[in-house]
N, C-alpha and C. Protein backbone atom coordinates (compact mmCIF):
# COMPACT_ATOMS: atom_id res chain seq x y z
N MET A 1 1.02 -1.35 -0.01
CA MET A 1 0.03 0.01 -0.07
C MET A 1 0.78 1.33 -0.32
N LYS A 2 0.44 2.01 -0.85
CA LYS A 2 1.25 3.30 -0.85
C LYS A 2 0.61 4.39 0.09
N HIS A 3 1.03 5.16 1.27
CA HIS A 3 0.99 5.86 2.00
C HIS A 3 1.00 7.35 1.44
N THR A 4 0.42 8.34 1.74
CA THR A 4 0.62 9.87 1.53
C THR A 4 0.63 10.65 2.60
N PHE A 5 0.36 10.32 3.91
CA PHE A 5 0.77 10.94 5.20
C PHE A 5 2.32 10.78 5.35
N LEU A 6 2.97 11.85 5.56
CA LEU A 6 4.17 11.83 5.75
C LEU A 6 5.25 11.77 4.51
N PHE A 7 4.76 10.76 3.61
CA PHE A 7 5.33 10.29 2.36
C PHE A 7 5.01 11.63 1.43
N GLN A 8 4.20 12.30 1.66
CA GLN A 8 4.00 13.34 0.50
C GLN A 8 3.72 14.68 1.10
N GLU A 9 4.24 15.73 0.71
CA GLU A 9 4.22 17.17 0.94
C GLU A 9 2.44 17.46 1.16
N GLY A 10 2.03 18.51 2.03
CA GLY A 10 0.90 18.91 2.22
C GLY A 10 0.34 19.03 3.40
N ILE A 11 -0.60 19.62 3.65
CA ILE A 11 -1.46 20.50 4.64
C ILE A 11 -2.50 19.24 5.11
N TRP A 12 -2.52 19.10 6.42
CA TRP A 12 -3.50 18.33 6.73
C TRP A 12 -4.27 18.84 8.13
N ILE A 13 -5.77 18.85 7.75
CA ILE A 13 -6.65 19.40 9.03
C ILE A 13 -6.96 18.07 10.07
N VAL A 14 -6.99 18.56 11.45
CA VAL A 14 -6.86 17.46 12.23
C VAL A 14 -8.35 17.73 13.08
N ARG A 15 -9.21 16.89 13.41
CA ARG A 15 -10.28 17.29 14.18
C ARG A 15 -10.68 15.59 15.05
N GLY A 16 -11.07 16.11 16.19
CA GLY A 16 -11.77 14.65 16.47
C GLY A 16 -11.20 15.08 18.31
N ILE A 17 -11.16 13.83 19.05
CA ILE A 17 -11.28 13.84 20.67
C ILE A 17 -9.89 13.84 21.15
N TYR A 18 -9.97 14.68 22.41
CA TYR A 18 -8.73 14.52 23.11
C TYR A 18 -8.79 14.21 24.56
N TYR A 19 -8.35 13.24 25.28
CA TYR A 19 -8.95 12.55 26.60
C TYR A 19 -7.57 13.16 27.59
N ASN A 20 -7.95 13.65 28.31
CA ASN A 20 -7.06 13.86 29.67
C ASN A 20 -6.49 12.84 30.21
N ASP A 21 -5.72 12.86 31.45
CA ASP A 21 -5.48 11.61 32.20
C ASP A 21 -6.69 11.34 33.39
N ARG A 22 -7.61 12.06 33.29
CA ARG A 22 -9.06 11.54 33.96
C ARG A 22 -10.26 11.16 33.08
N ASN A 23 -9.66 11.00 31.88
CA ASN A 23 -10.50 10.25 30.52
C ASN A 23 -11.78 11.38 29.99
N ARG A 24 -11.54 12.52 30.49
CA ARG A 24 -12.20 13.73 30.01
C ARG A 24 -12.09 13.62 28.52
N ALA A 25 -13.43 13.52 27.90
CA ALA A 25 -13.11 14.21 26.30
C ALA A 25 -13.46 15.60 26.29
N VAL A 26 -12.52 16.09 25.26
CA VAL A 26 -13.04 17.28 24.82
C VAL A 26 -12.49 17.57 23.24
N PRO A 27 -13.39 18.44 22.71
CA PRO A 27 -12.73 18.42 21.18
C PRO A 27 -11.47 18.92 20.83
N LEU A 28 -10.96 18.52 19.86
CA LEU A 28 -9.77 18.83 19.36
C LEU A 28 -9.45 19.25 18.00
N GLU A 29 -9.19 20.20 17.55
CA GLU A 29 -8.79 20.70 16.23
C GLU A 29 -7.47 21.15 15.71
N GLY A 30 -7.19 21.09 14.63
CA GLY A 30 -5.61 21.38 14.18
C GLY A 30 -5.28 21.51 12.85
N GLU A 31 -4.21 21.52 12.57
CA GLU A 31 -3.36 21.45 11.14
C GLU A 31 -2.09 21.00 11.33
N THR A 32 -1.70 20.24 10.48
CA THR A 32 -0.38 20.05 10.19
C THR A 32 0.30 19.88 8.81
N LYS A 33 1.58 20.35 8.85
CA LYS A 33 1.85 20.56 7.39
C LYS A 33 3.49 19.50 7.16
N ILE A 34 3.27 18.86 5.99
CA ILE A 34 4.39 18.08 6.17
C ILE A 34 5.20 18.63 5.00
N THR A 35 6.59 18.73 5.15
CA THR A 35 7.74 19.38 4.26
C THR A 35 8.76 18.46 3.99
N HIS A 36 9.24 18.49 2.79
CA HIS A 36 10.34 17.54 2.83
C HIS A 36 11.66 18.39 2.07
N ARG A 37 12.40 18.14 3.27
CA ARG A 37 13.95 18.85 2.72
C ARG A 37 14.76 17.71 2.58
N GLU A 38 15.79 18.25 1.97
CA GLU A 38 17.31 17.33 1.63
C GLU A 38 17.54 16.63 2.87
N GLY A 39 17.22 15.67 3.21
CA GLY A 39 17.86 14.71 4.40
C GLY A 39 16.79 14.64 5.73
N VAL A 40 15.81 15.40 5.63
CA VAL A 40 14.73 15.42 6.66
C VAL A 40 13.17 15.82 6.06
N TRP A 41 12.26 14.95 6.76
CA TRP A 41 11.00 15.82 6.46
C TRP A 41 10.68 16.23 7.84
N LEU A 42 9.82 17.01 7.63
CA LEU A 42 9.33 17.86 8.84
C LEU A 42 7.75 17.46 8.71
N ASN A 43 7.40 17.49 10.24
CA ASN A 43 5.93 17.52 10.34
C ASN A 43 5.89 18.69 11.24
N GLU A 44 5.12 19.84 10.95
CA GLU A 44 4.82 20.69 12.11
C GLU A 44 3.70 21.06 12.30
N GLY A 45 2.83 21.13 13.25
CA GLY A 45 1.47 21.65 13.47
C GLY A 45 1.08 22.22 14.94
N GLU A 46 -0.10 22.44 14.72
CA GLU A 46 -0.72 23.18 15.85
C GLU A 46 -1.90 22.62 16.35
N MET A 47 -2.15 22.28 17.54
CA MET A 47 -3.64 21.37 17.97
C MET A 47 -4.32 22.15 18.99
N VAL A 48 -5.25 22.61 18.69
CA VAL A 48 -6.08 23.47 20.03
C VAL A 48 -7.23 22.47 20.64
N ILE A 49 -7.17 22.27 21.78
CA ILE A 49 -8.37 21.91 22.88
C ILE A 49 -9.10 22.96 23.62
N ARG A 50 -9.89 22.83 23.83
CA ARG A 50 -11.00 23.60 24.25
C ARG A 50 -11.64 23.29 25.64
N VAL A 51 -11.24 23.52 26.63
CA VAL A 51 -11.57 23.13 28.05
C VAL A 51 -12.77 24.31 28.60
N ASP A 52 -13.74 23.76 28.83
CA ASP A 52 -14.54 24.80 29.03
C ASP A 52 -14.70 26.25 28.78
N ASP A 53 -14.13 27.03 29.11
CA ASP A 53 -14.13 28.86 28.56
C ASP A 53 -12.57 29.05 28.30
N HIS A 54 -11.70 27.87 28.39
CA HIS A 54 -10.63 28.55 27.78
C HIS A 54 -9.89 27.41 26.92
N THR A 55 -9.06 27.96 26.48
CA THR A 55 -8.08 27.06 25.02
C THR A 55 -6.66 26.73 25.13
N ILE A 56 -6.33 25.75 24.88
CA ILE A 56 -4.95 25.18 25.08
C ILE A 56 -4.59 24.74 23.76
N LYS A 57 -3.43 25.26 23.24
CA LYS A 57 -2.74 25.31 21.90
C LYS A 57 -1.63 24.45 22.39
N MET A 58 -1.14 23.43 21.49
CA MET A 58 -0.27 22.46 21.51
C MET A 58 0.88 22.51 20.27
N ASN A 59 1.82 22.73 19.99
CA ASN A 59 2.85 22.72 19.00
C ASN A 59 3.20 21.66 18.70
N ASN A 60 3.67 21.20 17.29
CA ASN A 60 4.47 20.15 17.27
C ASN A 60 5.44 20.34 16.31
N ARG A 61 6.57 19.75 16.58
CA ARG A 61 7.40 20.07 15.13
C ARG A 61 8.52 18.56 15.25
N TYR A 62 8.12 17.57 14.62
CA TYR A 62 9.02 16.65 14.08
C TYR A 62 9.97 16.55 12.96
N GLU A 63 11.20 16.14 13.29
CA GLU A 63 12.06 15.93 12.27
C GLU A 63 12.35 14.55 12.02
N ILE A 64 11.97 14.30 10.65
CA ILE A 64 11.92 12.73 10.39
C ILE A 64 13.19 12.26 9.56
N MET A 65 13.77 11.46 9.48
CA MET A 65 14.38 10.87 8.75
C MET A 65 13.90 10.03 7.81
N PRO A 66 13.85 10.50 6.24
CA PRO A 66 13.41 9.99 4.99
C PRO A 66 13.56 8.41 5.29
N PHE A 67 12.49 8.03 4.86
CA PHE A 67 12.69 6.21 4.65
C PHE A 67 13.42 5.90 3.61
N GLU A 68 14.47 4.93 3.70
CA GLU A 68 15.26 4.62 2.80
C GLU A 68 14.72 3.70 1.91
N ALA A 69 15.07 3.74 0.54
CA ALA A 69 14.36 2.88 -0.32
C ALA A 69 14.07 1.11 0.22
N GLY A 70 12.63 0.81 0.23
CA GLY A 70 12.49 -0.61 0.45
C GLY A 70 12.64 -0.57 2.06
N SER A 71 12.72 0.46 2.67
CA SER A 71 12.58 0.09 4.01
C SER A 71 11.05 0.39 4.97
N SER A 72 10.60 -0.21 5.74
CA SER A 72 9.61 0.03 6.33
C SER A 72 9.66 0.89 7.60
N MET A 73 10.75 1.07 8.30
CA MET A 73 10.89 1.92 9.40
C MET A 73 11.97 3.09 9.26
N THR A 74 11.75 4.18 9.64
CA THR A 74 12.72 5.32 10.40
C THR A 74 12.55 5.94 11.66
N VAL A 75 13.18 6.66 11.91
CA VAL A 75 13.28 7.14 13.23
C VAL A 75 12.74 8.69 13.01
N TRP A 76 12.65 9.34 14.39
CA TRP A 76 12.23 10.82 14.27
C TRP A 76 12.44 11.43 15.46
N GLU A 77 12.51 12.64 15.80
CA GLU A 77 12.67 13.16 17.28
C GLU A 77 12.02 14.59 17.07
N SER A 78 11.34 14.91 18.28
CA SER A 78 10.84 16.05 18.50
C SER A 78 10.97 16.81 19.86
N LEU A 79 10.99 18.22 19.90
CA LEU A 79 11.37 18.69 21.31
C LEU A 79 10.09 19.21 21.75
N ASN A 80 9.52 18.96 22.74
CA ASN A 80 8.20 19.42 23.60
C ASN A 80 8.69 20.24 24.55
N ALA A 81 7.94 21.31 24.88
CA ALA A 81 8.44 22.33 25.94
C ALA A 81 8.22 21.86 27.34
N ASP A 82 6.85 20.98 27.04
CA ASP A 82 6.69 20.19 28.41
C ASP A 82 7.42 18.79 28.87
N ILE A 83 7.80 18.11 27.79
CA ILE A 83 7.97 16.73 28.22
C ILE A 83 9.73 16.85 27.73
N GLY A 84 10.37 17.60 27.03
CA GLY A 84 11.60 17.43 26.53
C GLY A 84 11.79 16.86 25.41
N THR A 85 12.79 16.22 24.99
CA THR A 85 12.85 15.39 23.71
C THR A 85 12.63 14.31 23.78
N LEU A 86 11.49 14.30 22.67
CA LEU A 86 11.03 12.50 22.46
C LEU A 86 11.72 12.29 21.06
N ARG A 87 11.87 10.94 21.51
CA ARG A 87 12.77 10.00 20.18
C ARG A 87 11.57 8.79 19.67
N GLY A 88 11.48 8.70 18.58
CA GLY A 88 10.64 7.95 17.96
C GLY A 88 10.91 7.36 16.91
N LYS A 89 10.17 6.16 16.37
CA LYS A 89 10.08 5.31 15.24
C LYS A 89 8.74 5.46 14.26
N PHE A 90 8.82 5.38 13.27
CA PHE A 90 7.45 5.30 12.52
C PHE A 90 7.74 3.95 11.73
N VAL A 91 6.76 3.03 11.48
CA VAL A 91 6.77 1.55 11.08
C VAL A 91 5.71 1.43 9.95
N VAL A 92 5.84 1.23 8.82
CA VAL A 92 4.51 0.74 7.95
C VAL A 92 4.53 -0.13 7.82
N VAL A 93 2.99 -0.77 8.34
CA VAL A 93 2.57 -2.19 8.29
C VAL A 93 1.03 -2.04 7.55
N ASP A 94 1.17 -2.34 6.29
CA ASP A 94 -0.14 -2.28 5.54
C ASP A 94 -0.71 -1.19 5.45
N ASP A 95 -2.01 -0.81 5.88
CA ASP A 95 -2.64 0.35 5.68
C ASP A 95 -2.34 1.39 7.08
N ALA A 96 -1.51 0.81 7.97
CA ALA A 96 -1.07 1.64 9.15
C ALA A 96 0.36 2.15 9.02
N VAL A 97 0.58 3.39 9.54
CA VAL A 97 2.00 3.67 10.01
C VAL A 97 1.85 3.95 11.60
N ILE A 98 2.76 2.96 12.37
CA ILE A 98 2.71 3.05 13.59
C ILE A 98 4.14 3.87 14.34
N SER A 99 3.75 4.51 14.99
CA SER A 99 4.61 5.68 16.00
C SER A 99 4.65 5.17 17.39
N THR A 100 6.16 4.95 17.70
CA THR A 100 6.41 4.51 19.14
C THR A 100 7.53 5.67 19.40
N CYS A 101 7.59 6.58 20.64
CA CYS A 101 8.41 7.45 21.09
C CYS A 101 8.50 6.99 22.59
N LEU A 102 9.72 7.88 23.01
CA LEU A 102 10.45 7.67 24.15
C LEU A 102 11.01 9.20 24.54
N SER A 103 10.84 9.56 25.95
CA SER A 103 11.74 11.07 26.15
C SER A 103 13.07 10.82 26.53
N GLY A 104 13.70 11.52 26.55
CA GLY A 104 14.94 11.46 26.74
C GLY A 104 15.24 10.74 28.14
N ASP A 105 14.60 11.34 29.39
CA ASP A 105 14.86 10.93 30.69
C ASP A 105 13.91 9.38 30.69
N GLY A 106 13.40 9.10 29.73
CA GLY A 106 12.53 7.86 29.76
C GLY A 106 11.07 7.81 30.63
N GLU A 107 11.04 8.86 31.05
CA GLU A 107 9.75 9.09 31.90
C GLU A 107 8.50 8.92 31.03
N TYR A 108 8.28 9.46 29.80
CA TYR A 108 7.27 9.43 28.97
C TYR A 108 7.42 8.72 27.85
N ALA A 109 6.28 7.93 27.45
CA ALA A 109 6.41 7.08 26.14
C ALA A 109 4.90 7.10 25.54
N GLY A 110 4.76 7.01 24.32
CA GLY A 110 3.66 7.04 23.64
C GLY A 110 3.77 6.31 22.26
N THR A 111 2.81 5.95 21.81
CA THR A 111 2.25 5.37 20.90
C THR A 111 1.33 5.89 19.96
N GLU A 112 1.27 5.90 18.49
CA GLU A 112 -0.09 6.28 17.93
C GLU A 112 -0.15 5.56 16.23
N VAL A 113 -1.49 5.25 15.95
CA VAL A 113 -1.38 4.26 14.81
C VAL A 113 -2.39 5.23 13.79
N LEU A 114 -1.82 5.49 12.71
CA LEU A 114 -2.55 6.26 11.60
C LEU A 114 -2.93 5.24 10.63
N ILE A 115 -4.44 4.99 10.38
CA ILE A 115 -4.65 4.10 9.48
C ILE A 115 -5.44 4.80 8.22
N LYS A 116 -4.75 4.66 7.18
CA LYS A 116 -5.16 5.02 5.83
C LYS A 116 -6.62 4.64 5.46
N VAL A 117 -7.35 5.66 5.24
CA VAL A 117 -8.90 5.49 4.94
C VAL A 117 -8.64 5.61 3.07
N ASP A 118 -7.98 6.65 2.37
CA ASP A 118 -7.98 6.90 1.17
C ASP A 118 -6.82 7.63 1.22
N ASP A 119 -6.43 8.23 -0.11
CA ASP A 119 -5.27 9.05 0.02
C ASP A 119 -5.33 10.25 0.59
N THR A 120 -6.53 10.78 1.13
CA THR A 120 -6.41 12.19 1.48
C THR A 120 -7.11 12.46 2.91
N ARG A 121 -7.21 11.09 3.31
CA ARG A 121 -7.98 10.83 4.90
C ARG A 121 -7.49 9.38 5.50
N TYR A 122 -6.92 10.11 6.85
CA TYR A 122 -6.21 9.03 7.67
C TYR A 122 -7.10 9.14 9.04
N ARG A 123 -7.18 8.29 9.90
CA ARG A 123 -7.68 8.10 11.26
C ARG A 123 -6.46 7.67 12.06
N SER A 124 -6.35 8.43 13.18
CA SER A 124 -5.09 8.39 14.32
C SER A 124 -5.76 8.19 15.63
N ARG A 125 -5.17 7.16 16.22
CA ARG A 125 -5.63 6.77 17.74
C ARG A 125 -4.13 6.88 18.14
N GLY A 126 -3.97 7.54 19.31
CA GLY A 126 -2.71 7.32 20.08
C GLY A 126 -3.14 7.54 21.75
N VAL A 127 -2.14 7.42 22.35
CA VAL A 127 -1.62 7.51 23.86
C VAL A 127 -0.61 8.02 24.11
N LEU A 128 -0.23 8.88 25.29
CA LEU A 128 1.09 9.13 25.69
C LEU A 128 1.19 8.62 27.35
N PHE A 129 1.79 8.10 27.61
CA PHE A 129 2.12 7.51 29.39
C PHE A 129 3.29 8.76 29.81
N ARG A 130 2.98 8.77 31.32
CA ARG A 130 4.29 9.26 31.99
C ARG A 130 4.21 8.06 33.03
N GLY A 131 5.32 7.32 32.72
CA GLY A 131 5.31 6.37 33.83
C GLY A 131 4.19 5.26 33.51
N SER A 132 4.08 4.77 34.47
CA SER A 132 2.43 3.80 34.18
C SER A 132 1.75 4.23 34.39
N GLU A 133 1.38 5.86 34.23
CA GLU A 133 -0.40 6.33 34.34
C GLU A 133 -0.33 7.08 32.89
N LYS A 134 -1.78 6.99 32.44
CA LYS A 134 -1.60 7.54 31.12
C LYS A 134 -1.99 8.98 30.98
N LEU A 135 -1.13 9.71 30.51
CA LEU A 135 -1.44 10.92 30.65
C LEU A 135 -2.41 11.98 29.79
N SER A 136 -2.64 11.35 28.66
CA SER A 136 -3.33 11.84 27.40
C SER A 136 -3.66 10.67 26.27
N SER A 137 -4.54 10.78 25.73
CA SER A 137 -5.03 9.89 24.47
C SER A 137 -5.93 10.67 23.45
N TRP A 138 -6.01 10.53 22.25
CA TRP A 138 -6.78 11.06 21.20
C TRP A 138 -7.17 9.97 20.05
N SER A 139 -8.17 10.41 19.51
CA SER A 139 -9.10 9.84 18.63
C SER A 139 -9.35 10.87 17.32
N VAL A 140 -8.54 10.86 16.46
CA VAL A 140 -8.66 12.07 15.56
C VAL A 140 -8.72 11.48 14.08
N GLU A 141 -9.42 12.74 13.21
CA GLU A 141 -9.15 12.34 11.42
C GLU A 141 -8.46 13.22 11.04
N LEU A 142 -7.63 12.75 10.19
CA LEU A 142 -6.82 13.75 9.39
C LEU A 142 -7.52 13.82 8.05
N GLN A 143 -7.20 15.10 7.59
CA GLN A 143 -7.94 15.22 6.22
C GLN A 143 -6.88 16.07 5.22
N LYS A 144 -6.58 15.60 4.06
CA LYS A 144 -5.64 16.49 3.45
C LYS A 144 -6.29 17.69 2.73
N ILE A 145 -5.77 19.04 2.80
CA ILE A 145 -6.47 19.94 2.02
C ILE A 145 -5.50 20.47 1.01
N ARG A 146 -4.39 20.44 0.80
CA ARG A 146 -3.52 20.99 -0.18
C ARG A 146 -2.46 19.78 0.08
């Protein structure tokens, strides 16, 4: 299966549900942009969650080592203001792109599964842990707009 998310440049709208550590569900929306540069792919985005009458913005910037020809796996790195440096892997398995990560101090770990619906749509399900506790999880849809 040929994947489009990550593998092609573009802008994706993200909408869905964010669950906090107490499993409270709140709407999540945002945008992410995939850019390919020589030797690195960038995944840069902003997600917004609205809790009661205040808004929380989360910015992400992943630096991804491009997949080598014939390989189903690559590595990525991201700096998070609250968590520190996250290092992870993307692995392609049939219709899914699976991501795992671990913070530099080993305190945080996460997993995300992106399931291809078609060339312009993916479903994402993920979770972030702090030690043995769930910190957050999400269920979102990604729609390519450019």
